[in-house]
Amino acid sequence: MGAASKVGDWAFKAFTLGLGVATIYLTATFSVNVYRGLSWHKAQSVAICVLNVSKVASLNRLNMIVQLLVKMRIKIGVQHASNSLVENK
């Protein structure tokens, strides 16, 4: 009974070691996949809208458009008459 008990103990230790290794592996791969998913999602949600201020009829309309785009989290670049591009963050 002593030898069988030791074999059982070693089998249990090997089994729990395998579960521990699998847990560590799955935790690491899950973290990497979450990071990749968040990076992909951020890359998909970026849109750039360039407005030429000189062609917009009224500043009130421009203000309304900019507020709407900011609410939609769209990156805005406004092109002034000097042809310089100013972007929001």
PDB file of N, CA and C in Angstrom:
ATOM      1  N   MET A   1       0.810  -1.185   0.000  1.00  0.00           N
ATOM      2  CA  MET A   1       0.000   0.000   0.000  1.00  0.00           C
ATOM      3  C   MET A   1       0.861   1.261   0.000  1.00  0.00           C
ATOM      4  N   GLY A   2       2.043   1.200   0.521  1.00  0.00           N
ATOM      5  CA  GLY A   2       2.924   2.370   0.572  1.00  0.00           C
ATOM      6  C   GLY A   2       3.361   2.800  -0.816  1.00  0.00           C
ATOM      7  N   ALA A   3       3.718   1.820  -1.687  1.00  0.00           N
ATOM      8  CA  ALA A   3       4.164   2.158  -3.046  1.00  0.00           C
ATOM      9  C   ALA A   3       3.007   2.700  -3.879  1.00  0.00           C
ATOM     10  N   ALA A   4       1.840   2.110  -3.710  1.00  0.00           N
ATOM     11  CA  ALA A   4       0.669   2.575  -4.459  1.00  0.00           C
ATOM     12  C   ALA A   4       0.275   3.981  -4.022  1.00  0.00           C
ATOM     13  N   SER A   5       0.427   4.256  -2.758  1.00  0.00           N
ATOM     14  CA  SER A   5       0.106   5.585  -2.241  1.00  0.00           C
ATOM     15  C   SER A   5       1.055   6.632  -2.825  1.00  0.00           C
ATOM     16  N   LYS A   6       2.341   6.276  -2.942  1.00  0.00           N
ATOM     17  CA  LYS A   6       3.315   7.220  -3.510  1.00  0.00           C
ATOM     18  C   LYS A   6       3.047   7.447  -5.001  1.00  0.00           C
ATOM     19  N   VAL A   7       2.679   6.392  -5.701  1.00  0.00           N
ATOM     20  CA  VAL A   7       2.347   6.535  -7.121  1.00  0.00           C
ATOM     21  C   VAL A   7       1.143   7.455  -7.278  1.00  0.00           C
ATOM     22  N   GLY A   8       0.151   7.266  -6.434  1.00  0.00           N
ATOM     23  CA  GLY A   8      -1.029   8.120  -6.470  1.00  0.00           C
ATOM     24  C   GLY A   8      -0.687   9.570  -6.147  1.00  0.00           C
ATOM     25  N   ASP A   9       0.189   9.754  -5.167  1.00  0.00           N
ATOM     26  CA  ASP A   9       0.616  11.116  -4.812  1.00  0.00           C
ATOM     27  C   ASP A   9       1.326  11.784  -5.991  1.00  0.00           C
ATOM     28  N   TRP A  10       2.224  11.049  -6.646  1.00  0.00           N
ATOM     29  CA  TRP A  10       2.956  11.623  -7.775  1.00  0.00           C
ATOM     30  C   TRP A  10       2.021  11.890  -8.961  1.00  0.00           C
ATOM     31  N   ALA A  11       1.061  11.011  -9.152  1.00  0.00           N
ATOM     32  CA  ALA A  11       0.094  11.227 -10.238  1.00  0.00           C
ATOM     33  C   ALA A  11      -0.733  12.484  -9.956  1.00  0.00           C
ATOM     34  N   PHE A  12      -1.145  12.649  -8.704  1.00  0.00           N
ATOM     35  CA  PHE A  12      -1.913  13.835  -8.345  1.00  0.00           C
ATOM     36  C   PHE A  12      -1.071  15.100  -8.504  1.00  0.00           C
ATOM     37  N   LYS A  13       0.203  15.046  -8.090  1.00  0.00           N
ATOM     38  CA  LYS A  13       1.089  16.202  -8.229  1.00  0.00           C
ATOM     39  C   LYS A  13       1.314  16.544  -9.702  1.00  0.00           C
ATOM     40  N   ALA A  14       1.484  15.521 -10.525  1.00  0.00           N
ATOM     41  CA  ALA A  14       1.674  15.765 -11.962  1.00  0.00           C
ATOM     42  C   ALA A  14       0.403  16.378 -12.570  1.00  0.00           C
ATOM     43  N   PHE A  15      -0.756  15.883 -12.156  1.00  0.00           N
ATOM     44  CA  PHE A  15      -2.024  16.406 -12.655  1.00  0.00           C
ATOM     45  C   PHE A  15      -2.211  17.871 -12.253  1.00  0.00           C
ATOM     46  N   THR A  16      -1.957  18.191 -10.985  1.00  0.00           N
ATOM     47  CA  THR A  16      -2.131  19.571 -10.529  1.00  0.00           C
ATOM     48  C   THR A  16      -1.083  20.488 -11.162  1.00  0.00           C
ATOM     49  N   LEU A  17       0.135  19.968 -11.403  1.00  0.00           N
ATOM     50  CA  LEU A  17       1.144  20.765 -12.103  1.00  0.00           C
ATOM     51  C   LEU A  17       0.676  21.086 -13.520  1.00  0.00           C
ATOM     52  N   GLY A  18       0.102  20.095 -14.186  1.00  0.00           N
ATOM     53  CA  GLY A  18      -0.434  20.322 -15.534  1.00  0.00           C
ATOM     54  C   GLY A  18      -1.548  21.357 -15.529  1.00  0.00           C
ATOM     55  N   LEU A  19      -2.430  21.304 -14.534  1.00  0.00           N
ATOM     56  CA  LEU A  19      -3.485  22.313 -14.419  1.00  0.00           C
ATOM     57  C   LEU A  19      -2.902  23.700 -14.176  1.00  0.00           C
ATOM     58  N   GLY A  20      -1.866  23.784 -13.358  1.00  0.00           N
ATOM     59  CA  GLY A  20      -1.219  25.078 -13.087  1.00  0.00           C
ATOM     60  C   GLY A  20      -0.574  25.663 -14.329  1.00  0.00           C
ATOM     61  N   VAL A  21       0.135  24.815 -15.076  1.00  0.00           N
ATOM     62  CA  VAL A  21       0.774  25.270 -16.311  1.00  0.00           C
ATOM     63  C   VAL A  21      -0.282  25.711 -17.328  1.00  0.00           C
ATOM     64  N   ALA A  22      -1.354  24.949 -17.445  1.00  0.00           N
ATOM     65  CA  ALA A  22      -2.431  25.314 -18.376  1.00  0.00           C
ATOM     66  C   ALA A  22      -3.072  26.632 -17.963  1.00  0.00           C
ATOM     67  N   THR A  23      -3.253  26.848 -16.665  1.00  0.00           N
ATOM     68  CA  THR A  23      -3.841  28.098 -16.180  1.00  0.00           C
ATOM     69  C   THR A  23      -2.946  29.287 -16.508  1.00  0.00           C
ATOM     70  N   ILE A  24      -1.657  29.149 -16.272  1.00  0.00           N
ATOM     71  CA  ILE A  24      -0.711  30.233 -16.574  1.00  0.00           C
ATOM     72  C   ILE A  24      -0.687  30.510 -18.072  1.00  0.00           C
ATOM     73  N   TYR A  25      -0.664  29.467 -18.896  1.00  0.00           N
ATOM     74  CA  TYR A  25      -0.660  29.643 -20.353  1.00  0.00           C
ATOM     75  C   TYR A  25      -1.934  30.349 -20.823  1.00  0.00           C
ATOM     76  N   LEU A  26      -3.091  29.898 -20.336  1.00  0.00           N
ATOM     77  CA  LEU A  26      -4.353  30.503 -20.766  1.00  0.00           C
ATOM     78  C   LEU A  26      -4.474  31.947 -20.294  1.00  0.00           C
ATOM     79  N   THR A  27      -3.970  32.237 -19.101  1.00  0.00           N
ATOM     80  CA  THR A  27      -3.987  33.622 -18.605  1.00  0.00           C
ATOM     81  C   THR A  27      -3.124  34.511 -19.488  1.00  0.00           C
ATOM     82  N   ALA A  28      -1.936  34.041 -19.845  1.00  0.00           N
ATOM     83  CA  ALA A  28      -1.035  34.834 -20.686  1.00  0.00           C
ATOM     84  C   ALA A  28      -1.625  35.045 -22.076  1.00  0.00           C
ATOM     85  N   THR A  29      -2.150  34.011 -22.682  1.00  0.00           N
ATOM     86  CA  THR A  29      -2.703  34.162 -24.034  1.00  0.00           C
ATOM     87  C   THR A  29      -3.969  35.010 -24.006  1.00  0.00           C
ATOM     88  N   PHE A  30      -4.761  34.917 -22.944  1.00  0.00           N
ATOM     89  CA  PHE A  30      -5.960  35.753 -22.826  1.00  0.00           C
ATOM     90  C   PHE A  30      -5.565  37.225 -22.750  1.00  0.00           C
ATOM     91  N   SER A  31      -4.536  37.522 -21.954  1.00  0.00           N
ATOM     92  CA  SER A  31      -4.083  38.909 -21.831  1.00  0.00           C
ATOM     93  C   SER A  31      -3.581  39.444 -23.168  1.00  0.00           C
ATOM     94  N   VAL A  32      -2.836  38.632 -23.892  1.00  0.00           N
ATOM     95  CA  VAL A  32      -2.332  39.054 -25.203  1.00  0.00           C
ATOM     96  C   VAL A  32      -3.492  39.279 -26.168  1.00  0.00           C
ATOM     97  N   ASN A  33      -4.481  38.400 -26.142  1.00  0.00           N
ATOM     98  CA  ASN A  33      -5.629  38.547 -27.035  1.00  0.00           C
ATOM     99  C   ASN A  33      -6.472  39.774 -26.694  1.00  0.00           C
ATOM    100  N   VAL A  34      -6.610  40.079 -25.414  1.00  0.00           N
ATOM    101  CA  VAL A  34      -7.340  41.291 -25.019  1.00  0.00           C
ATOM    102  C   VAL A  34      -6.598  42.521 -25.532  1.00  0.00           C
ATOM    103  N   TYR A  35      -5.274  42.546 -25.369  1.00  0.00           N
ATOM    104  CA  TYR A  35      -4.475  43.677 -25.855  1.00  0.00           C
ATOM    105  C   TYR A  35      -4.619  43.827 -27.373  1.00  0.00           C
ATOM    106  N   ARG A  36      -4.522  42.726 -28.092  1.00  0.00           N
ATOM    107  CA  ARG A  36      -4.665  42.780 -29.555  1.00  0.00           C
ATOM    108  C   ARG A  36      -6.068  43.232 -29.968  1.00  0.00           C
ATOM    109  N   GLY A  37      -7.077  42.751 -29.264  1.00  0.00           N
ATOM    110  CA  GLY A  37      -8.448  43.140 -29.571  1.00  0.00           C
ATOM    111  C   GLY A  37      -8.692  44.617 -29.335  1.00  0.00           C
ATOM    112  N   LEU A  38      -8.176  45.141 -28.217  1.00  0.00           N
ATOM    113  CA  LEU A  38      -8.333  46.568 -27.943  1.00  0.00           C
ATOM    114  C   LEU A  38      -7.580  47.412 -28.963  1.00  0.00           C
ATOM    115  N   SER A  39      -6.392  46.966 -29.348  1.00  0.00           N
ATOM    116  CA  SER A  39      -5.621  47.685 -30.370  1.00  0.00           C
ATOM    117  C   SER A  39      -6.364  47.682 -31.700  1.00  0.00           C
ATOM    118  N   TRP A  40      -6.920  46.549 -32.069  1.00  0.00           N
ATOM    119  CA  TRP A  40      -7.665  46.451 -33.323  1.00  0.00           C
ATOM    120  C   TRP A  40      -8.891  47.355 -33.277  1.00  0.00           C
ATOM    121  N   HIS A  41      -9.596  47.336 -32.152  1.00  0.00           N
ATOM    122  CA  HIS A  41     -10.810  48.147 -32.029  1.00  0.00           C
ATOM    123  C   HIS A  41     -10.485  49.633 -32.117  1.00  0.00           C
ATOM    124  N   LYS A  42      -9.397  50.041 -31.473  1.00  0.00           N
ATOM    125  CA  LYS A  42      -8.999  51.449 -31.526  1.00  0.00           C
ATOM    126  C   LYS A  42      -8.646  51.839 -32.953  1.00  0.00           C
ATOM    127  N   ALA A  43      -7.964  50.963 -33.682  1.00  0.00           N
ATOM    128  CA  ALA A  43      -7.595  51.258 -35.068  1.00  0.00           C
ATOM    129  C   ALA A  43      -8.825  51.351 -35.965  1.00  0.00           C
ATOM    130  N   GLN A  44      -9.871  50.569 -35.660  1.00  0.00           N
ATOM    131  CA  GLN A  44     -11.076  50.585 -36.480  1.00  0.00           C
ATOM    132  C   GLN A  44     -11.921  51.818 -36.232  1.00  0.00           C
ATOM    133  N   SER A  45     -11.857  52.382 -35.031  1.00  0.00           N
ATOM    134  CA  SER A  45     -12.754  53.477 -34.675  1.00  0.00           C
ATOM    135  C   SER A  45     -12.189  54.855 -34.987  1.00  0.00           C
ATOM    136  N   VAL A  46     -11.008  54.928 -35.579  1.00  0.00           N
ATOM    137  CA  VAL A  46     -10.417  56.223 -35.906  1.00  0.00           C
ATOM    138  C   VAL A  46     -10.841  56.603 -37.316  1.00  0.00           C
ATOM    139  N   ALA A  47     -11.452  57.744 -37.411  1.00  0.00           N
ATOM    140  CA  ALA A  47     -11.824  58.288 -38.712  1.00  0.00           C
ATOM    141  C   ALA A  47     -11.360  59.731 -38.749  1.00  0.00           C
ATOM    142  N   ILE A  48     -10.968  60.186 -39.892  1.00  0.00           N
ATOM    143  CA  ILE A  48     -10.475  61.553 -40.024  1.00  0.00           C
ATOM    144  C   ILE A  48     -11.431  62.321 -40.914  1.00  0.00           C
ATOM    145  N   CYS A  49     -11.822  63.482 -40.463  1.00  0.00           N
ATOM    146  CA  CYS A  49     -12.705  64.348 -41.223  1.00  0.00           C
ATOM    147  C   CYS A  49     -12.007  65.684 -41.377  1.00  0.00           C
ATOM    148  N   VAL A  50     -11.776  66.117 -42.590  1.00  0.00           N
ATOM    149  CA  VAL A  50     -11.130  67.394 -42.855  1.00  0.00           C
ATOM    150  C   VAL A  50     -12.179  68.347 -43.404  1.00  0.00           C
ATOM    151  N   LEU A  51     -12.334  69.484 -42.726  1.00  0.00           N
ATOM    152  CA  LEU A  51     -13.302  70.490 -43.134  1.00  0.00           C
ATOM    153  C   LEU A  51     -12.554  71.706 -43.653  1.00  0.00           C
ATOM    154  N   ASN A  52     -12.987  72.208 -44.769  1.00  0.00           N
ATOM    155  CA  ASN A  52     -12.419  73.444 -45.296  1.00  0.00           C
ATOM    156  C   ASN A  52     -13.311  74.578 -44.818  1.00  0.00           C
ATOM    157  N   VAL A  53     -12.788  75.386 -43.888  1.00  0.00           N
ATOM    158  CA  VAL A  53     -13.589  76.411 -43.230  1.00  0.00           C
ATOM    159  C   VAL A  53     -14.093  77.438 -44.227  1.00  0.00           C
ATOM    160  N   SER A  54     -13.333  77.753 -45.233  1.00  0.00           N
ATOM    161  CA  SER A  54     -13.747  78.794 -46.167  1.00  0.00           C
ATOM    162  C   SER A  54     -14.969  78.382 -46.989  1.00  0.00           C
ATOM    163  N   LYS A  55     -15.261  77.081 -47.081  1.00  0.00           N
ATOM    164  CA  LYS A  55     -16.394  76.615 -47.879  1.00  0.00           C
ATOM    165  C   LYS A  55     -17.646  76.373 -47.037  1.00  0.00           C
ATOM    166  N   VAL A  56     -17.562  76.551 -45.728  1.00  0.00           N
ATOM    167  CA  VAL A  56     -18.719  76.345 -44.872  1.00  0.00           C
ATOM    168  C   VAL A  56     -19.492  77.656 -44.802  1.00  0.00           C
ATOM    169  N   ALA A  57     -20.800  77.585 -45.032  1.00  0.00           N
ATOM    170  CA  ALA A  57     -21.615  78.793 -45.161  1.00  0.00           C
ATOM    171  C   ALA A  57     -21.688  79.589 -43.862  1.00  0.00           C
ATOM    172  N   SER A  58     -21.858  78.928 -42.747  1.00  0.00           N
ATOM    173  CA  SER A  58     -22.013  79.693 -41.513  1.00  0.00           C
ATOM    174  C   SER A  58     -21.207  79.057 -40.403  1.00  0.00           C
ATOM    175  N   LEU A  59     -20.714  79.906 -39.489  1.00  0.00           N
ATOM    176  CA  LEU A  59     -19.935  79.387 -38.369  1.00  0.00           C
ATOM    177  C   LEU A  59     -20.818  78.590 -37.406  1.00  0.00           C
ATOM    178  N   ASN A  60     -22.092  78.931 -37.324  1.00  0.00           N
ATOM    179  CA  ASN A  60     -22.999  78.154 -36.477  1.00  0.00           C
ATOM    180  C   ASN A  60     -23.123  76.729 -36.999  1.00  0.00           C
ATOM    181  N   ARG A  61     -23.232  76.593 -38.304  1.00  0.00           N
ATOM    182  CA  ARG A  61     -23.325  75.263 -38.905  1.00  0.00           C
ATOM    183  C   ARG A  61     -22.019  74.497 -38.666  1.00  0.00           C
ATOM    184  N   LEU A  62     -20.877  75.180 -38.817  1.00  0.00           N
ATOM    185  CA  LEU A  62     -19.583  74.544 -38.565  1.00  0.00           C
ATOM    186  C   LEU A  62     -19.499  74.078 -37.120  1.00  0.00           C
ATOM    187  N   ASN A  63     -19.924  74.927 -36.196  1.00  0.00           N
ATOM    188  CA  ASN A  63     -19.897  74.570 -34.781  1.00  0.00           C
ATOM    189  C   ASN A  63     -20.779  73.351 -34.524  1.00  0.00           C
ATOM    190  N   MET A  64     -21.947  73.300 -35.130  1.00  0.00           N
ATOM    191  CA  MET A  64     -22.858  72.171 -34.973  1.00  0.00           C
ATOM    192  C   MET A  64     -22.227  70.884 -35.520  1.00  0.00           C
ATOM    193  N   ILE A  65     -21.590  70.981 -36.676  1.00  0.00           N
ATOM    194  CA  ILE A  65     -20.943  69.810 -37.289  1.00  0.00           C
ATOM    195  C   ILE A  65     -19.801  69.320 -36.411  1.00  0.00           C
ATOM    196  N   VAL A  66     -18.990  70.251 -35.916  1.00  0.00           N
ATOM    197  CA  VAL A  66     -17.849  69.865 -35.083  1.00  0.00           C
ATOM    198  C   VAL A  66     -18.330  69.198 -33.798  1.00  0.00           C
ATOM    199  N   GLN A  67     -19.357  69.745 -33.170  1.00  0.00           N
ATOM    200  CA  GLN A  67     -19.890  69.127 -31.950  1.00  0.00           C
ATOM    201  C   GLN A  67     -20.412  67.723 -32.225  1.00  0.00           C
ATOM    202  N   LEU A  68     -21.069  67.525 -33.342  1.00  0.00           N
ATOM    203  CA  LEU A  68     -21.570  66.206 -33.698  1.00  0.00           C
ATOM    204  C   LEU A  68     -20.428  65.221 -33.914  1.00  0.00           C
ATOM    205  N   LEU A  69     -19.386  65.656 -34.624  1.00  0.00           N
ATOM    206  CA  LEU A  69     -18.249  64.777 -34.882  1.00  0.00           C
ATOM    207  C   LEU A  69     -17.504  64.439 -33.599  1.00  0.00           C
ATOM    208  N   VAL A  70     -17.384  65.412 -32.692  1.00  0.00           N
ATOM    209  CA  VAL A  70     -16.713  65.143 -31.420  1.00  0.00           C
ATOM    210  C   VAL A  70     -17.523  64.146 -30.602  1.00  0.00           C
ATOM    211  N   LYS A  71     -18.848  64.264 -30.611  1.00  0.00           N
ATOM    212  CA  LYS A  71     -19.690  63.305 -29.905  1.00  0.00           C
ATOM    213  C   LYS A  71     -19.527  61.906 -30.486  1.00  0.00           C
ATOM    214  N   MET A  72     -19.306  61.835 -31.794  1.00  0.00           N
ATOM    215  CA  MET A  72     -19.124  60.539 -32.453  1.00  0.00           C
ATOM    216  C   MET A  72     -17.682  60.053 -32.329  1.00  0.00           C
ATOM    217  N   ARG A  73     -16.845  60.829 -31.636  1.00  0.00           N
ATOM    218  CA  ARG A  73     -15.430  60.506 -31.426  1.00  0.00           C
ATOM    219  C   ARG A  73     -14.681  60.359 -32.741  1.00  0.00           C
ATOM    220  N   ILE A  74     -14.976  61.235 -33.671  1.00  0.00           N
ATOM    221  CA  ILE A  74     -14.270  61.236 -34.941  1.00  0.00           C
ATOM    222  C   ILE A  74     -13.165  62.284 -34.863  1.00  0.00           C
ATOM    223  N   LYS A  75     -11.985  61.897 -35.266  1.00  0.00           N
ATOM    224  CA  LYS A  75     -10.855  62.816 -35.243  1.00  0.00           C
ATOM    225  C   LYS A  75     -11.090  63.904 -36.284  1.00  0.00           C
ATOM    226  N   ILE A  76     -10.940  65.144 -35.850  1.00  0.00           N
ATOM    227  CA  ILE A  76     -11.279  66.271 -36.722  1.00  0.00           C
ATOM    228  C   ILE A  76     -10.016  67.037 -37.075  1.00  0.00           C
ATOM    229  N   GLY A  77      -9.897  67.368 -38.331  1.00  0.00           N
ATOM    230  CA  GLY A  77      -8.857  68.285 -38.783  1.00  0.00           C
ATOM    231  C   GLY A  77      -9.539  69.418 -39.522  1.00  0.00           C
ATOM    232  N   VAL A  78      -9.271  70.647 -39.115  1.00  0.00           N
ATOM    233  CA  VAL A  78      -9.897  71.803 -39.747  1.00  0.00           C
ATOM    234  C   VAL A  78      -8.837  72.509 -40.569  1.00  0.00           C
ATOM    235  N   GLN A  79      -9.128  72.690 -41.841  1.00  0.00           N
ATOM    236  CA  GLN A  79      -8.184  73.340 -42.735  1.00  0.00           C
ATOM    237  C   GLN A  79      -8.562  74.813 -42.858  1.00  0.00           C
ATOM    238  N   HIS A  80      -7.649  75.670 -42.420  1.00  0.00           N
ATOM    239  CA  HIS A  80      -7.879  77.105 -42.474  1.00  0.00           C
ATOM    240  C   HIS A  80      -7.467  77.645 -43.839  1.00  0.00           C
ATOM    241  N   ALA A  81      -7.737  78.907 -44.080  1.00  0.00           N
ATOM    242  CA  ALA A  81      -7.408  79.527 -45.352  1.00  0.00           C
ATOM    243  C   ALA A  81      -5.910  79.494 -45.623  1.00  0.00           C
ATOM    244  N   SER A  82      -5.106  79.431 -44.544  1.00  0.00           N
ATOM    245  CA  SER A  82      -3.645  79.393 -44.716  1.00  0.00           C
ATOM    246  C   SER A  82      -3.156  77.992 -45.110  1.00  0.00           C
ATOM    247  N   ASN A  83      -4.094  77.042 -45.319  1.00  0.00           N
ATOM    248  CA  ASN A  83      -3.783  75.655 -45.703  1.00  0.00           C
ATOM    249  C   ASN A  83      -3.029  74.874 -44.631  1.00  0.00           C
ATOM    250  N   SER A  84      -3.056  75.344 -43.380  1.00  0.00           N
ATOM    251  CA  SER A  84      -2.462  74.553 -42.307  1.00  0.00           C
ATOM    252  C   SER A  84      -3.572  73.697 -41.698  1.00  0.00           C
ATOM    253  N   LEU A  85      -3.216  72.517 -41.283  1.00  0.00           N
ATOM    254  CA  LEU A  85      -4.193  71.565 -40.763  1.00  0.00           C
ATOM    255  C   LEU A  85      -4.076  71.529 -39.245  1.00  0.00           C
ATOM    256  N   VAL A  86      -5.176  71.800 -38.550  1.00  0.00           N
ATOM    257  CA  VAL A  86      -5.215  71.774 -37.095  1.00  0.00           C
ATOM    258  C   VAL A  86      -6.098  70.610 -36.696  1.00  0.00           C
ATOM    259  N   GLU A  87      -5.599  69.743 -35.818  1.00  0.00           N
ATOM    260  CA  GLU A  87      -6.348  68.545 -35.430  1.00  0.00           C
ATOM    261  C   GLU A  87      -6.713  68.602 -33.967  1.00  0.00           C
ATOM    262  N   ASN A  88      -7.862  68.010 -33.635  1.00  0.00           N
ATOM    263  CA  ASN A  88      -8.223  67.868 -32.229  1.00  0.00           C
ATOM    264  C   ASN A  88      -7.573  66.617 -31.676  1.00  0.00           C
ATOM    265  N   LYS A  89      -7.561  66.478 -30.364  1.00  0.00           N
ATOM    266  CA  LYS A  89      -6.906  65.305 -29.757  1.00  0.00           C
ATOM    267  C   LYS A  89      -7.900  64.352 -29.244  1.00  0.00           C
TER     268      LYS A  89
END
